Amino acid sequence: MTRNNNRVCCLYRVSTDKQVDFNSNHEADLPMQRKACHKFAESKGWVIVHEEQEEGVSGHKVRAEARDKLQIIKEYARKGKFDILLVFMFDRIGRIADETPFVVEWFVRNGIFAICSLRMLLVHSKRKLLFTAFY
């Protein structure tokens, strides 16, 4: 990471309008994602400088180029406004098998670390992405 090294942009996403307030376990899904990301960032001494949330956007059906909030985040990355993309789980970035890894790779190639609050890290090493889980 370069620049300030600790500037975080968070992305929260739920697939259906019903999940905006509650998930299948009757937990408040978006607030739960936000809380987990804030707690994780705070534990690392990182500063959240921007947050976007997608409500009722399927990560399986909607391609990245059609997701306005993801495009906003990519534009902020191009402008160097953050160093870390933090999500609750990596599937918040997307679930399209032939696209999502390339979305993550785009961020990595543009100097952005993609990290999830469940202590999983995607890092770029020379020509390939590495996935590591921390327990």
Protein backbone atom coordinates (compact mmCIF):
# COMPACT_ATOMS: atom_id res chain seq x y z
CA MET A 1 0.00 0.00 0.00
CA THR A 2 1.13 3.53 -0.64
CA ARG A 3 -0.08 7.01 0.21
CA ASN A 4 -1.43 7.18 3.77
CA ASN A 5 -1.80 3.38 3.86
CA ASN A 6 -4.82 3.41 6.16
CA ARG A 7 -7.65 5.15 4.31
CA VAL A 8 -10.61 2.82 3.97
CA CYS A 9 -13.60 2.73 1.67
CA CYS A 10 -16.35 0.34 2.79
CA LEU A 11 -18.86 -1.38 0.55
CA TYR A 12 -22.00 -2.91 2.05
CA ARG A 13 -24.45 -4.86 -0.10
CA VAL A 14 -27.64 -6.85 0.30
CA SER A 15 -29.30 -8.77 -2.51
CA THR A 16 -32.94 -8.13 -1.73
CA ASP A 17 -34.97 -5.25 -0.35
CA LYS A 18 -36.02 -7.52 2.53
CA GLN A 19 -32.37 -7.76 3.64
CA VAL A 20 -32.01 -4.00 3.94
CA ASP A 21 -33.32 -4.21 7.47
CA PHE A 22 -33.10 -7.91 8.37
CA ASN A 23 -31.36 -11.04 7.14
CA SER A 24 -32.58 -14.63 7.39
CA ASN A 25 -31.53 -14.76 11.07
CA HIS A 26 -33.63 -11.67 11.81
CA GLU A 27 -30.49 -9.58 12.26
CA ALA A 28 -30.25 -6.10 10.82
CA ASP A 29 -28.06 -6.99 7.82
CA LEU A 30 -26.72 -3.65 6.55
CA PRO A 31 -26.13 -2.29 10.07
CA MET A 32 -24.43 -5.59 10.97
CA GLN A 33 -22.08 -5.31 7.98
CA ARG A 34 -21.32 -1.68 8.84
CA LYS A 35 -20.68 -2.47 12.50
CA ALA A 36 -18.34 -5.36 11.66
CA CYS A 37 -16.36 -3.25 9.17
CA HIS A 38 -16.10 -0.31 11.56
CA LYS A 39 -14.94 -2.58 14.37
CA PHE A 40 -12.35 -4.24 12.12
CA ALA A 41 -11.04 -0.91 10.78
CA GLU A 42 -10.80 0.52 14.29
CA SER A 43 -8.88 -2.55 15.50
CA LYS A 44 -6.30 -1.92 12.76
CA GLY A 45 -6.07 1.82 13.35
CA TRP A 46 -7.54 2.51 9.91
CA VAL A 47 -9.68 5.51 9.03
CA ILE A 48 -12.93 5.04 7.11
CA VAL A 49 -13.02 7.88 4.60
CA HIS A 50 -15.94 6.74 2.47
CA GLU A 51 -18.84 4.26 2.57
CA GLU A 52 -21.25 3.04 -0.08
CA GLN A 53 -24.19 0.69 0.35
CA GLU A 54 -26.11 -1.22 -2.27
CA GLU A 55 -29.68 -2.09 -1.30
CA GLY A 56 -31.44 -4.88 -3.18
CA VAL A 57 -28.59 -5.43 -5.64
CA SER A 58 -27.91 -9.06 -6.51
CA GLY A 59 -24.21 -9.80 -6.65
CA HIS A 60 -25.09 -12.87 -8.72
CA LYS A 61 -27.34 -11.24 -11.33
CA VAL A 62 -26.07 -7.66 -11.71
CA ARG A 63 -22.74 -7.21 -13.49
CA ALA A 64 -20.17 -4.81 -12.04
CA GLU A 65 -20.53 -2.21 -14.79
CA ALA A 66 -24.24 -1.89 -13.94
CA ARG A 67 -23.64 -1.33 -10.22
CA ASP A 68 -23.54 2.43 -9.65
CA LYS A 69 -22.04 2.28 -6.16
CA LEU A 70 -19.24 -0.02 -7.29
CA GLN A 71 -18.48 2.39 -10.14
CA ILE A 72 -18.31 5.28 -7.66
CA ILE A 73 -15.82 3.31 -5.56
CA LYS A 74 -13.72 2.51 -8.64
CA GLU A 75 -13.63 6.21 -9.54
CA TYR A 76 -12.46 7.09 -6.02
CA ALA A 77 -9.77 4.42 -6.37
CA ARG A 78 -8.61 5.96 -9.67
CA LYS A 79 -8.34 9.33 -7.90
CA GLY A 80 -6.30 7.82 -5.05
CA LYS A 81 -8.86 8.68 -2.37
CA PHE A 82 -8.42 5.44 -0.39
CA ASP A 83 -5.97 2.56 0.11
CA ILE A 84 -8.18 -0.29 1.34
CA LEU A 85 -11.52 -1.60 0.10
CA LEU A 86 -13.17 -3.18 3.14
CA VAL A 87 -16.20 -5.44 2.86
CA PHE A 88 -17.95 -7.67 5.38
CA MET A 89 -17.39 -10.73 3.16
CA PHE A 90 -15.86 -10.95 -0.30
CA ASP A 91 -19.19 -11.94 -1.82
CA ARG A 92 -20.31 -8.36 -1.12
CA ILE A 93 -18.09 -7.38 -4.08
CA GLY A 94 -19.99 -9.86 -6.26
CA ARG A 95 -20.88 -13.47 -6.92
CA ILE A 96 -20.44 -13.76 -10.67
CA ALA A 97 -17.78 -16.45 -11.14
CA ASP A 98 -16.40 -15.14 -14.44
CA GLU A 99 -16.34 -11.51 -13.30
CA THR A 100 -15.88 -10.98 -9.55
CA PRO A 101 -12.24 -12.16 -9.35
CA PHE A 102 -11.41 -9.65 -12.08
CA VAL A 103 -13.18 -6.86 -10.18
CA VAL A 104 -10.99 -7.62 -7.16
CA GLU A 105 -7.94 -7.85 -9.42
CA TRP A 106 -8.76 -4.41 -10.86
CA PHE A 107 -8.58 -2.89 -7.37
CA VAL A 108 -5.35 -4.71 -6.55
CA ARG A 109 -3.73 -3.59 -9.82
CA ASN A 110 -4.72 -0.04 -8.94
CA GLY A 111 -2.95 -0.18 -5.59
CA ILE A 112 -5.97 -0.97 -3.44
CA PHE A 113 -5.95 -3.80 -0.91
CA ALA A 114 -9.24 -5.70 -0.86
CA ILE A 115 -9.96 -6.94 2.64
CA CYS A 116 -12.97 -8.41 4.40
CA SER A 117 -13.81 -7.93 8.05
CA LEU A 118 -13.84 -11.68 8.65
CA ARG A 119 -10.04 -11.59 8.70
CA MET A 120 -9.56 -12.68 5.13
CA LEU A 121 -7.18 -10.89 2.84
CA LEU A 122 -6.68 -10.84 -0.89
CA VAL A 123 -3.23 -9.68 -1.89
CA HIS A 124 -1.44 -9.35 -5.18
CA SER A 125 1.90 -11.08 -5.63
CA LYS A 126 3.61 -10.50 -8.98
CA ARG A 127 1.17 -12.09 -11.45
CA LYS A 128 -1.44 -13.76 -9.30
CA LEU A 129 -3.88 -13.07 -6.51
CA LEU A 130 -3.39 -14.87 -3.24
CA PHE A 131 -6.18 -15.54 -0.76
CA THR A 132 -5.30 -15.92 2.89
CA ALA A 133 -7.57 -16.45 5.87
CA PHE A 134 -6.49 -15.40 9.34
CA TYR A 135 -7.95 -17.19 12.37
